[in-house]
PDB file of N, CA and C in Angstrom:
ATOM      1  N   MET A   1      20.276  82.354  85.853  1.00  0.00           N
ATOM      2  CA  MET A   1      21.642  81.886  85.967  1.00  0.00           C
ATOM      3  C   MET A   1      21.767  80.555  85.246  1.00  0.00           C
ATOM      4  N   LEU A   2      22.700  80.465  84.348  1.00  0.00           N
ATOM      5  CA  LEU A   2      22.933  79.254  83.573  1.00  0.00           C
ATOM      6  C   LEU A   2      24.123  78.516  84.161  1.00  0.00           C
ATOM      7  N   VAL A   3      23.917  77.253  84.453  1.00  0.00           N
ATOM      8  CA  VAL A   3      24.976  76.434  85.012  1.00  0.00           C
ATOM      9  C   VAL A   3      25.156  75.216  84.126  1.00  0.00           C
ATOM     10  N   THR A   4      26.373  74.964  83.763  1.00  0.00           N
ATOM     11  CA  THR A   4      26.674  73.781  82.963  1.00  0.00           C
ATOM     12  C   THR A   4      27.514  72.844  83.804  1.00  0.00           C
ATOM     13  N   ILE A   5      27.073  71.633  83.863  1.00  0.00           N
ATOM     14  CA  ILE A   5      27.813  70.616  84.604  1.00  0.00           C
ATOM     15  C   ILE A   5      28.377  69.649  83.585  1.00  0.00           C
ATOM     16  N   GLU A   6      29.685  69.560  83.568  1.00  0.00           N
ATOM     17  CA  GLU A   6      30.340  68.635  82.657  1.00  0.00           C
ATOM     18  C   GLU A   6      30.636  67.343  83.394  1.00  0.00           C
ATOM     19  N   GLN A   7      30.425  66.267  82.683  1.00  0.00           N
ATOM     20  CA  GLN A   7      30.762  64.974  83.267  1.00  0.00           C
ATOM     21  C   GLN A   7      32.279  64.835  83.233  1.00  0.00           C
ATOM     22  N   SER A   8      32.856  64.664  84.379  1.00  0.00           N
ATOM     23  CA  SER A   8      34.316  64.532  84.423  1.00  0.00           C
ATOM     24  C   SER A   8      34.688  63.098  84.091  1.00  0.00           C
ATOM     25  N   ARG A   9      35.741  62.966  83.330  1.00  0.00           N
ATOM     26  CA  ARG A   9      36.219  61.653  82.937  1.00  0.00           C
ATOM     27  C   ARG A   9      37.148  61.134  84.018  1.00  0.00           C
ATOM     28  N   THR A  10      36.926  59.940  84.430  1.00  0.00           N
ATOM     29  CA  THR A  10      37.829  59.334  85.395  1.00  0.00           C
ATOM     30  C   THR A  10      38.830  58.484  84.625  1.00  0.00           C
ATOM     31  N   TYR A  11      40.064  58.592  85.018  1.00  0.00           N
ATOM     32  CA  TYR A  11      41.123  57.854  84.348  1.00  0.00           C
ATOM     33  C   TYR A  11      41.480  56.619  85.149  1.00  0.00           C
ATOM     34  N   SER A  12      41.556  55.527  84.450  1.00  0.00           N
ATOM     35  CA  SER A  12      42.021  54.301  85.089  1.00  0.00           C
ATOM     36  C   SER A  12      43.544  54.296  85.039  1.00  0.00           C
ATOM     37  N   PRO A  13      44.174  53.467  85.815  1.00  0.00           N
ATOM     38  CA  PRO A  13      45.639  53.372  85.730  1.00  0.00           C
ATOM     39  C   PRO A  13      46.103  53.034  84.309  1.00  0.00           C
ATOM     40  N   LEU A  14      45.336  52.239  83.590  1.00  0.00           N
ATOM     41  CA  LEU A  14      45.707  51.899  82.217  1.00  0.00           C
ATOM     42  C   LEU A  14      45.632  53.139  81.320  1.00  0.00           C
ATOM     43  N   ASP A  15      44.591  53.956  81.480  1.00  0.00           N
ATOM     44  CA  ASP A  15      44.481  55.207  80.711  1.00  0.00           C
ATOM     45  C   ASP A  15      45.667  56.124  81.005  1.00  0.00           C
ATOM     46  N   ASN A  16      46.006  56.239  82.278  1.00  0.00           N
ATOM     47  CA  ASN A  16      47.154  57.070  82.660  1.00  0.00           C
ATOM     48  C   ASN A  16      48.443  56.553  82.034  1.00  0.00           C
ATOM     49  N   PHE A  17      48.621  55.243  82.034  1.00  0.00           N
ATOM     50  CA  PHE A  17      49.805  54.639  81.440  1.00  0.00           C
ATOM     51  C   PHE A  17      49.856  54.915  79.937  1.00  0.00           C
ATOM     52  N   LEU A  18      48.734  54.737  79.253  1.00  0.00           N
ATOM     53  CA  LEU A  18      48.687  54.963  77.805  1.00  0.00           C
ATOM     54  C   LEU A  18      48.941  56.431  77.464  1.00  0.00           C
ATOM     55  N   ASP A  19      48.397  57.346  78.271  1.00  0.00           N
ATOM     56  CA  ASP A  19      48.668  58.775  78.076  1.00  0.00           C
ATOM     57  C   ASP A  19      50.153  59.074  78.254  1.00  0.00           C
ATOM     58  N   SER A  20      50.744  58.511  79.296  1.00  0.00           N
ATOM     59  CA  SER A  20      52.178  58.722  79.547  1.00  0.00           C
ATOM     60  C   SER A  20      53.014  58.146  78.420  1.00  0.00           C
ATOM     61  N   LEU A  21      52.623  57.005  77.920  1.00  0.00           N
ATOM     62  CA  LEU A  21      53.343  56.383  76.815  1.00  0.00           C
ATOM     63  C   LEU A  21      53.267  57.250  75.564  1.00  0.00           C
ATOM     64  N   ALA A  22      52.084  57.802  75.287  1.00  0.00           N
ATOM     65  CA  ALA A  22      51.907  58.664  74.118  1.00  0.00           C
ATOM     66  C   ALA A  22      52.705  59.955  74.257  1.00  0.00           C
ATOM     67  N   GLU A  23      52.897  60.430  75.476  1.00  0.00           N
ATOM     68  CA  GLU A  23      53.579  61.706  75.714  1.00  0.00           C
ATOM     69  C   GLU A  23      55.096  61.591  75.834  1.00  0.00           C
ATOM     70  N   LYS A  24      55.629  60.396  75.884  1.00  0.00           N
ATOM     71  CA  LYS A  24      57.064  60.240  76.143  1.00  0.00           C
ATOM     72  C   LYS A  24      57.942  60.853  75.068  1.00  0.00           C
ATOM     73  N   ASP A  25      57.445  60.953  73.844  1.00  0.00           N
ATOM     74  CA  ASP A  25      58.243  61.508  72.755  1.00  0.00           C
ATOM     75  C   ASP A  25      57.963  62.981  72.502  1.00  0.00           C
ATOM     76  N   LEU A  26      57.174  63.606  73.345  1.00  0.00           N
ATOM     77  CA  LEU A  26      56.880  65.035  73.193  1.00  0.00           C
ATOM     78  C   LEU A  26      57.993  65.820  73.882  1.00  0.00           C
ATOM     79  N   THR A  27      59.102  65.970  73.182  1.00  0.00           N
ATOM     80  CA  THR A  27      60.316  66.501  73.790  1.00  0.00           C
ATOM     81  C   THR A  27      60.604  67.958  73.424  1.00  0.00           C
ATOM     82  N   CYS A  28      59.780  68.550  72.576  1.00  0.00           N
ATOM     83  CA  CYS A  28      60.007  69.929  72.125  1.00  0.00           C
ATOM     84  C   CYS A  28      58.844  70.809  72.554  1.00  0.00           C
ATOM     85  N   TYR A  29      59.106  72.088  72.673  1.00  0.00           N
ATOM     86  CA  TYR A  29      58.047  73.070  72.914  1.00  0.00           C
ATOM     87  C   TYR A  29      57.920  73.959  71.684  1.00  0.00           C
ATOM     88  N   ALA A  30      56.695  74.231  71.290  1.00  0.00           N
ATOM     89  CA  ALA A  30      56.456  75.114  70.145  1.00  0.00           C
ATOM     90  C   ALA A  30      57.041  76.495  70.385  1.00  0.00           C
ATOM     91  N   SER A  31      56.984  76.970  71.617  1.00  0.00           N
ATOM     92  CA  SER A  31      57.480  78.311  71.922  1.00  0.00           C
ATOM     93  C   SER A  31      58.981  78.452  71.698  1.00  0.00           C
ATOM     94  N   ASP A  32      59.689  77.315  71.575  1.00  0.00           N
ATOM     95  CA  ASP A  32      61.123  77.393  71.266  1.00  0.00           C
ATOM     96  C   ASP A  32      61.348  78.117  69.941  1.00  0.00           C
ATOM     97  N   LEU A  33      60.411  77.957  69.001  1.00  0.00           N
ATOM     98  CA  LEU A  33      60.535  78.639  67.714  1.00  0.00           C
ATOM     99  C   LEU A  33      60.395  80.154  67.884  1.00  0.00           C
ATOM    100  N   LEU A  34      59.571  80.567  68.839  1.00  0.00           N
ATOM    101  CA  LEU A  34      59.463  82.002  69.152  1.00  0.00           C
ATOM    102  C   LEU A  34      60.785  82.518  69.703  1.00  0.00           C
ATOM    103  N   GLN A  35      61.370  81.773  70.611  1.00  0.00           N
ATOM    104  CA  GLN A  35      62.628  82.193  71.236  1.00  0.00           C
ATOM    105  C   GLN A  35      63.767  82.238  70.237  1.00  0.00           C
ATOM    106  N   GLN A  36      63.685  81.408  69.191  1.00  0.00           N
ATOM    107  CA  GLN A  36      64.712  81.403  68.152  1.00  0.00           C
ATOM    108  C   GLN A  36      64.384  82.417  67.049  1.00  0.00           C
ATOM    109  N   HIS A  37      63.309  83.150  67.250  1.00  0.00           N
ATOM    110  CA  HIS A  37      62.840  84.171  66.302  1.00  0.00           C
ATOM    111  C   HIS A  37      62.416  83.573  64.965  1.00  0.00           C
ATOM    112  N   GLY A  38      61.889  82.345  65.008  1.00  0.00           N
ATOM    113  CA  GLY A  38      61.343  81.706  63.808  1.00  0.00           C
ATOM    114  C   GLY A  38      59.903  82.092  63.568  1.00  0.00           C
ATOM    115  N   CYS A  39      59.249  82.600  64.585  1.00  0.00           N
ATOM    116  CA  CYS A  39      57.898  83.155  64.492  1.00  0.00           C
ATOM    117  C   CYS A  39      57.911  84.470  65.248  1.00  0.00           C
ATOM    118  N   GLU A  40      57.106  85.400  64.792  1.00  0.00           N
ATOM    119  CA  GLU A  40      57.111  86.720  65.418  1.00  0.00           C
ATOM    120  C   GLU A  40      56.046  86.897  66.480  1.00  0.00           C
ATOM    121  N   SER A  41      55.031  86.010  66.506  1.00  0.00           N
ATOM    122  CA  SER A  41      53.945  86.178  67.465  1.00  0.00           C
ATOM    123  C   SER A  41      53.330  84.828  67.791  1.00  0.00           C
ATOM    124  N   MET A  42      52.571  84.800  68.867  1.00  0.00           N
ATOM    125  CA  MET A  42      51.853  83.577  69.231  1.00  0.00           C
ATOM    126  C   MET A  42      50.828  83.230  68.158  1.00  0.00           C
ATOM    127  N   ASN A  43      50.246  84.243  67.521  1.00  0.00           N
ATOM    128  CA  ASN A  43      49.275  83.988  66.458  1.00  0.00           C
ATOM    129  C   ASN A  43      49.943  83.275  65.279  1.00  0.00           C
ATOM    130  N   GLU A  44      51.113  83.754  64.887  1.00  0.00           N
ATOM    131  CA  GLU A  44      51.855  83.117  63.799  1.00  0.00           C
ATOM    132  C   GLU A  44      52.231  81.684  64.180  1.00  0.00           C
ATOM    133  N   LEU A  45      52.649  81.498  65.416  1.00  0.00           N
ATOM    134  CA  LEU A  45      52.998  80.170  65.914  1.00  0.00           C
ATOM    135  C   LEU A  45      51.771  79.257  65.889  1.00  0.00           C
ATOM    136  N   SER A  46      50.641  79.772  66.315  1.00  0.00           N
ATOM    137  CA  SER A  46      49.397  78.984  66.321  1.00  0.00           C
ATOM    138  C   SER A  46      49.010  78.546  64.917  1.00  0.00           C
ATOM    139  N   GLN A  47      49.212  79.426  63.937  1.00  0.00           N
ATOM    140  CA  GLN A  47      48.902  79.072  62.551  1.00  0.00           C
ATOM    141  C   GLN A  47      49.816  77.952  62.051  1.00  0.00           C
ATOM    142  N   ALA A  48      51.089  78.009  62.406  1.00  0.00           N
ATOM    143  CA  ALA A  48      52.023  76.957  62.006  1.00  0.00           C
ATOM    144  C   ALA A  48      51.641  75.628  62.660  1.00  0.00           C
ATOM    145  N   ILE A  49      51.232  75.669  63.919  1.00  0.00           N
ATOM    146  CA  ILE A  49      50.778  74.463  64.626  1.00  0.00           C
ATOM    147  C   ILE A  49      49.532  73.912  63.943  1.00  0.00           C
ATOM    148  N   LYS A  50      48.605  74.790  63.610  1.00  0.00           N
ATOM    149  CA  LYS A  50      47.363  74.358  62.959  1.00  0.00           C
ATOM    150  C   LYS A  50      47.672  73.640  61.650  1.00  0.00           C
ATOM    151  N   ARG A  51      48.556  74.206  60.842  1.00  0.00           N
ATOM    152  CA  ARG A  51      48.907  73.574  59.568  1.00  0.00           C
ATOM    153  C   ARG A  51      49.634  72.249  59.801  1.00  0.00           C
ATOM    154  N   ALA A  52      50.474  72.176  60.816  1.00  0.00           N
ATOM    155  CA  ALA A  52      51.175  70.925  61.127  1.00  0.00           C
ATOM    156  C   ALA A  52      50.189  69.839  61.565  1.00  0.00           C
ATOM    157  N   THR A  53      49.177  70.212  62.337  1.00  0.00           N
ATOM    158  CA  THR A  53      48.172  69.213  62.743  1.00  0.00           C
ATOM    159  C   THR A  53      47.341  68.773  61.541  1.00  0.00           C
ATOM    160  N   GLU A  54      47.107  69.681  60.594  1.00  0.00           N
ATOM    161  CA  GLU A  54      46.375  69.311  59.380  1.00  0.00           C
ATOM    162  C   GLU A  54      47.161  68.290  58.563  1.00  0.00           C
ATOM    163  N   VAL A  55      48.493  68.439  58.519  1.00  0.00           N
ATOM    164  CA  VAL A  55      49.337  67.462  57.833  1.00  0.00           C
ATOM    165  C   VAL A  55      49.179  66.100  58.507  1.00  0.00           C
ATOM    166  N   CYS A  56      49.262  66.081  59.829  1.00  0.00           N
ATOM    167  CA  CYS A  56      49.129  64.815  60.558  1.00  0.00           C
ATOM    168  C   CYS A  56      47.755  64.200  60.339  1.00  0.00           C
ATOM    169  N   ASN A  57      46.721  65.016  60.372  1.00  0.00           N
ATOM    170  CA  ASN A  57      45.369  64.498  60.118  1.00  0.00           C
ATOM    171  C   ASN A  57      45.270  63.915  58.717  1.00  0.00           C
ATOM    172  N   SER A  58      45.826  64.596  57.730  1.00  0.00           N
ATOM    173  CA  SER A  58      45.776  64.110  56.344  1.00  0.00           C
ATOM    174  C   SER A  58      46.487  62.775  56.185  1.00  0.00           C
ATOM    175  N   MET A  59      47.550  62.596  56.952  1.00  0.00           N
ATOM    176  CA  MET A  59      48.333  61.363  56.873  1.00  0.00           C
ATOM    177  C   MET A  59      47.887  60.318  57.901  1.00  0.00           C
ATOM    178  N   HIS A  60      46.815  60.610  58.632  1.00  0.00           N
ATOM    179  CA  HIS A  60      46.260  59.709  59.650  1.00  0.00           C
ATOM    180  C   HIS A  60      47.280  59.367  60.734  1.00  0.00           C
ATOM    181  N   LEU A  61      48.086  60.376  61.104  1.00  0.00           N
ATOM    182  CA  LEU A  61      49.040  60.208  62.199  1.00  0.00           C
ATOM    183  C   LEU A  61      48.362  60.623  63.499  1.00  0.00           C
ATOM    184  N   PRO A  62      48.562  59.890  64.572  1.00  0.00           N
ATOM    185  CA  PRO A  62      47.878  60.195  65.840  1.00  0.00           C
ATOM    186  C   PRO A  62      48.346  61.526  66.438  1.00  0.00           C
ATOM    187  N   LEU A  63      47.412  62.441  66.606  1.00  0.00           N
ATOM    188  CA  LEU A  63      47.745  63.750  67.175  1.00  0.00           C
ATOM    189  C   LEU A  63      48.245  63.615  68.607  1.00  0.00           C
ATOM    190  N   GLN A  64      47.661  62.693  69.361  1.00  0.00           N
ATOM    191  CA  GLN A  64      48.030  62.532  70.769  1.00  0.00           C
ATOM    192  C   GLN A  64      49.509  62.185  70.932  1.00  0.00           C
ATOM    193  N   GLU A  65      50.093  61.539  69.933  1.00  0.00           N
ATOM    194  CA  GLU A  65      51.503  61.158  70.011  1.00  0.00           C
ATOM    195  C   GLU A  65      52.424  62.258  69.492  1.00  0.00           C
ATOM    196  N   ASN A  66      51.859  63.344  68.984  1.00  0.00           N
ATOM    197  CA  ASN A  66      52.670  64.389  68.374  1.00  0.00           C
ATOM    198  C   ASN A  66      52.424  65.792  68.918  1.00  0.00           C
ATOM    199  N   PHE A  67      51.271  66.052  69.501  1.00  0.00           N
ATOM    200  CA  PHE A  67      50.916  67.387  69.979  1.00  0.00           C
ATOM    201  C   PHE A  67      50.201  67.292  71.323  1.00  0.00           C
ATOM    202  N   LYS A  68      50.521  68.211  72.215  1.00  0.00           N
ATOM    203  CA  LYS A  68      49.771  68.313  73.468  1.00  0.00           C
ATOM    204  C   LYS A  68      49.778  69.768  73.908  1.00  0.00           C
ATOM    205  N   VAL A  69      48.590  70.311  74.137  1.00  0.00           N
ATOM    206  CA  VAL A  69      48.484  71.673  74.652  1.00  0.00           C
ATOM    207  C   VAL A  69      48.910  71.668  76.113  1.00  0.00           C
ATOM    208  N   VAL A  70      49.772  72.605  76.465  1.00  0.00           N
ATOM    209  CA  VAL A  70      50.217  72.773  77.848  1.00  0.00           C
ATOM    210  C   VAL A  70      50.157  74.259  78.181  1.00  0.00           C
ATOM    211  N   TYR A  71      50.235  74.556  79.443  1.00  0.00           N
ATOM    212  CA  TYR A  71      50.260  75.948  79.895  1.00  0.00           C
ATOM    213  C   TYR A  71      51.523  76.150  80.703  1.00  0.00           C
ATOM    214  N   ARG A  72      52.235  77.219  80.372  1.00  0.00           N
ATOM    215  CA  ARG A  72      53.514  77.504  81.012  1.00  0.00           C
ATOM    216  C   ARG A  72      53.531  78.936  81.514  1.00  0.00           C
ATOM    217  N   SER A  73      54.427  79.182  82.442  1.00  0.00           N
ATOM    218  CA  SER A  73      54.601  80.529  82.965  1.00  0.00           C
ATOM    219  C   SER A  73      55.668  81.241  82.145  1.00  0.00           C
ATOM    220  N   ARG A  74      55.334  82.450  81.676  1.00  0.00           N
ATOM    221  CA  ARG A  74      56.308  83.265  80.958  1.00  0.00           C
ATOM    222  C   ARG A  74      56.135  84.706  81.415  1.00  0.00           C
ATOM    223  N   ASN A  75      57.205  85.262  81.948  1.00  0.00           N
ATOM    224  CA  ASN A  75      57.198  86.648  82.432  1.00  0.00           C
ATOM    225  C   ASN A  75      56.059  86.906  83.422  1.00  0.00           C
ATOM    226  N   GLY A  76      55.826  85.958  84.307  1.00  0.00           N
ATOM    227  CA  GLY A  76      54.832  86.139  85.359  1.00  0.00           C
ATOM    228  C   GLY A  76      53.400  85.894  84.939  1.00  0.00           C
ATOM    229  N   GLU A  77      53.157  85.443  83.711  1.00  0.00           N
ATOM    230  CA  GLU A  77      51.795  85.128  83.308  1.00  0.00           C
ATOM    231  C   GLU A  77      51.742  83.726  82.712  1.00  0.00           C
ATOM    232  N   VAL A  78      50.572  83.128  82.742  1.00  0.00           N
ATOM    233  CA  VAL A  78      50.388  81.787  82.216  1.00  0.00           C
ATOM    234  C   VAL A  78      49.997  81.900  80.740  1.00  0.00           C
ATOM    235  N   VAL A  79      50.747  81.197  79.890  1.00  0.00           N
ATOM    236  CA  VAL A  79      50.489  81.239  78.448  1.00  0.00           C
ATOM    237  C   VAL A  79      50.356  79.825  77.899  1.00  0.00           C
ATOM    238  N   GLN A  80      49.600  79.714  76.818  1.00  0.00           N
ATOM    239  CA  GLN A  80      49.434  78.420  76.155  1.00  0.00           C
ATOM    240  C   GLN A  80      50.687  78.107  75.347  1.00  0.00           C
ATOM    241  N   ASP A  81      51.052  76.842  75.358  1.00  0.00           N
ATOM    242  CA  ASP A  81      52.174  76.361  74.568  1.00  0.00           C
ATOM    243  C   ASP A  81      51.794  74.961  74.099  1.00  0.00           C
ATOM    244  N   TRP A  82      52.663  74.309  73.382  1.00  0.00           N
ATOM    245  CA  TRP A  82      52.429  72.952  72.925  1.00  0.00           C
ATOM    246  C   TRP A  82      53.697  72.151  73.133  1.00  0.00           C
ATOM    247  N   ARG A  83      53.529  70.934  73.650  1.00  0.00           N
ATOM    248  CA  ARG A  83      54.630  69.979  73.649  1.00  0.00           C
ATOM    249  C   ARG A  83      54.494  69.196  72.358  1.00  0.00           C
ATOM    250  N   LEU A  84      55.623  69.004  71.669  1.00  0.00           N
ATOM    251  CA  LEU A  84      55.603  68.400  70.347  1.00  0.00           C
ATOM    252  C   LEU A  84      56.624  67.273  70.240  1.00  0.00           C
ATOM    253  N   SER A  85      56.314  66.322  69.383  1.00  0.00           N
ATOM    254  CA  SER A  85      57.324  65.331  69.013  1.00  0.00           C
ATOM    255  C   SER A  85      58.312  66.031  68.084  1.00  0.00           C
ATOM    256  N   PRO A  86      59.506  65.491  67.907  1.00  0.00           N
ATOM    257  CA  PRO A  86      60.440  66.104  66.962  1.00  0.00           C
ATOM    258  C   PRO A  86      59.852  66.229  65.553  1.00  0.00           C
ATOM    259  N   MET A  87      59.082  65.229  65.121  1.00  0.00           N
ATOM    260  CA  MET A  87      58.455  65.309  63.804  1.00  0.00           C
ATOM    261  C   MET A  87      57.454  66.463  63.750  1.00  0.00           C
ATOM    262  N   ALA A  88      56.639  66.594  64.780  1.00  0.00           N
ATOM    263  CA  ALA A  88      55.652  67.682  64.810  1.00  0.00           C
ATOM    264  C   ALA A  88      56.350  69.041  64.844  1.00  0.00           C
ATOM    265  N   TYR A  89      57.469  69.127  65.556  1.00  0.00           N
ATOM    266  CA  TYR A  89      58.221  70.382  65.604  1.00  0.00           C
ATOM    267  C   TYR A  89      58.717  70.753  64.208  1.00  0.00           C
ATOM    268  N   MET A  90      59.263  69.780  63.484  1.00  0.00           N
ATOM    269  CA  MET A  90      59.762  70.064  62.140  1.00  0.00           C
ATOM    270  C   MET A  90      58.618  70.398  61.195  1.00  0.00           C
ATOM    271  N   LEU A  91      57.480  69.729  61.332  1.00  0.00           N
ATOM    272  CA  LEU A  91      56.316  70.083  60.519  1.00  0.00           C
ATOM    273  C   LEU A  91      55.872  71.511  60.810  1.00  0.00           C
ATOM    274  N   MET A  92      55.947  71.904  62.076  1.00  0.00           N
ATOM    275  CA  MET A  92      55.600  73.277  62.441  1.00  0.00           C
ATOM    276  C   MET A  92      56.551  74.258  61.764  1.00  0.00           C
ATOM    277  N   VAL A  93      57.856  73.965  61.790  1.00  0.00           N
ATOM    278  CA  VAL A  93      58.840  74.850  61.159  1.00  0.00           C
ATOM    279  C   VAL A  93      58.589  74.918  59.652  1.00  0.00           C
ATOM    280  N   LEU A  94      58.312  73.770  59.044  1.00  0.00           N
ATOM    281  CA  LEU A  94      58.039  73.756  57.601  1.00  0.00           C
ATOM    282  C   LEU A  94      56.791  74.559  57.244  1.00  0.00           C
ATOM    283  N   ASN A  95      55.874  74.666  58.185  1.00  0.00           N
ATOM    284  CA  ASN A  95      54.625  75.366  57.930  1.00  0.00           C
ATOM    285  C   ASN A  95      54.598  76.780  58.500  1.00  0.00           C
ATOM    286  N   ALA A  96      55.724  77.239  59.000  1.00  0.00           N
ATOM    287  CA  ALA A  96      55.816  78.619  59.500  1.00  0.00           C
ATOM    288  C   ALA A  96      56.055  79.555  58.315  1.00  0.00           C
ATOM    289  N   ASN A  97      56.139  80.829  58.602  1.00  0.00           N
ATOM    290  CA  ASN A  97      56.289  81.855  57.570  1.00  0.00           C
ATOM    291  C   ASN A  97      57.649  81.734  56.875  1.00  0.00           C
ATOM    292  N   ALA A  98      57.627  81.384  55.593  1.00  0.00           N
ATOM    293  CA  ALA A  98      58.864  81.179  54.835  1.00  0.00           C
ATOM    294  C   ALA A  98      59.621  82.480  54.582  1.00  0.00           C
ATOM    295  N   LYS A  99      59.017  83.629  54.856  1.00  0.00           N
ATOM    296  CA  LYS A  99      59.721  84.903  54.726  1.00  0.00           C
ATOM    297  C   LYS A  99      60.697  85.117  55.876  1.00  0.00           C
ATOM    298  N   ASN A 100      60.527  84.314  56.933  1.00  0.00           N
ATOM    299  CA  ASN A 100      61.420  84.386  58.075  1.00  0.00           C
ATOM    300  C   ASN A 100      62.728  83.677  57.719  1.00  0.00           C
ATOM    301  N   ASP A 101      63.856  84.328  57.964  1.00  0.00           N
ATOM    302  CA  ASP A 101      65.165  83.801  57.582  1.00  0.00           C
ATOM    303  C   ASP A 101      65.443  82.434  58.209  1.00  0.00           C
ATOM    304  N   LEU A 102      65.166  82.273  59.505  1.00  0.00           N
ATOM    305  CA  LEU A 102      65.408  80.997  60.179  1.00  0.00           C
ATOM    306  C   LEU A 102      64.562  79.885  59.564  1.00  0.00           C
ATOM    307  N   VAL A 103      63.315  80.170  59.302  1.00  0.00           N
ATOM    308  CA  VAL A 103      62.415  79.172  58.713  1.00  0.00           C
ATOM    309  C   VAL A 103      62.888  78.802  57.315  1.00  0.00           C
ATOM    310  N   ALA A 104      63.213  79.789  56.498  1.00  0.00           N
ATOM    311  CA  ALA A 104      63.669  79.528  55.127  1.00  0.00           C
ATOM    312  C   ALA A 104      64.962  78.706  55.124  1.00  0.00           C
ATOM    313  N   ARG A 105      65.922  79.068  55.994  1.00  0.00           N
ATOM    314  CA  ARG A 105      67.178  78.315  56.070  1.00  0.00           C
ATOM    315  C   ARG A 105      66.923  76.868  56.488  1.00  0.00           C
ATOM    316  N   THR A 106      66.008  76.667  57.436  1.00  0.00           N
ATOM    317  CA  THR A 106      65.688  75.313  57.898  1.00  0.00           C
ATOM    318  C   THR A 106      65.034  74.511  56.779  1.00  0.00           C
ATOM    319  N   GLN A 107      64.145  75.137  56.029  1.00  0.00           N
ATOM    320  CA  GLN A 107      63.500  74.442  54.923  1.00  0.00           C
ATOM    321  C   GLN A 107      64.525  74.014  53.872  1.00  0.00           C
ATOM    322  N   VAL A 108      65.425  74.905  53.527  1.00  0.00           N
ATOM    323  CA  VAL A 108      66.458  74.577  52.542  1.00  0.00           C
ATOM    324  C   VAL A 108      67.360  73.462  53.073  1.00  0.00           C
ATOM    325  N   GLU A 109      67.749  73.548  54.328  1.00  0.00           N
ATOM    326  CA  GLU A 109      68.600  72.512  54.928  1.00  0.00           C
ATOM    327  C   GLU A 109      67.906  71.150  54.905  1.00  0.00           C
ATOM    328  N   MET A 110      66.622  71.119  55.186  1.00  0.00           N
ATOM    329  CA  MET A 110      65.896  69.843  55.164  1.00  0.00           C
ATOM    330  C   MET A 110      65.837  69.270  53.759  1.00  0.00           C
ATOM    331  N   VAL A 111      65.629  70.109  52.756  1.00  0.00           N
ATOM    332  CA  VAL A 111      65.594  69.630  51.376  1.00  0.00           C
ATOM    333  C   VAL A 111      66.970  69.113  50.978  1.00  0.00           C
ATOM    334  N   LYS A 112      68.024  69.834  51.348  1.00  0.00           N
ATOM    335  CA  LYS A 112      69.386  69.380  51.042  1.00  0.00           C
ATOM    336  C   LYS A 112      69.659  68.010  51.675  1.00  0.00           C
ATOM    337  N   ARG A 113      69.255  67.848  52.906  1.00  0.00           N
ATOM    338  CA  ARG A 113      69.496  66.552  53.586  1.00  0.00           C
ATOM    339  C   ARG A 113      68.711  65.447  52.905  1.00  0.00           C
ATOM    340  N   PHE A 114      67.490  65.752  52.517  1.00  0.00           N
ATOM    341  CA  PHE A 114      66.654  64.767  51.851  1.00  0.00           C
ATOM    342  C   PHE A 114      67.268  64.339  50.526  1.00  0.00           C
ATOM    343  N   LEU A 115      67.840  65.292  49.805  1.00  0.00           N
ATOM    344  CA  LEU A 115      68.448  65.014  48.510  1.00  0.00           C
ATOM    345  C   LEU A 115      69.913  64.601  48.610  1.00  0.00           C
ATOM    346  N   ASN A 116      70.406  64.495  49.846  1.00  0.00           N
ATOM    347  CA  ASN A 116      71.796  64.126  50.105  1.00  0.00           C
ATOM    348  C   ASN A 116      72.791  65.070  49.416  1.00  0.00           C
ATOM    349  N   LEU A 117      72.521  66.362  49.481  1.00  0.00           N
ATOM    350  CA  LEU A 117      73.412  67.361  48.890  1.00  0.00           C
ATOM    351  C   LEU A 117      74.410  67.880  49.894  1.00  0.00           C
TER     352      LEU A 117
END
């Protein structure tokens, strides 16, 4: 029998405060894109999240302030989701499947806004 004992991390009040501060701007859920039919599956959504985190890593943006894995109840079962900052949510949309009409329209709208068209 193999037993693994993990050392549990104890959080100080300061750690809890810093975590709460980092999470205050995580106002979006990744699964919202599924509900809006911007992604067809959790796998597709996960790929968009992965690419969005790669963008943040490349730009040295703190992941803790933009992404947090959470678990939510959906249709009587517990599923993985992500709480995202608005920037992380938009990066996820930009990195979703461009063949999807909602994603393509959002990408075009963002470019138009950027170019002030």
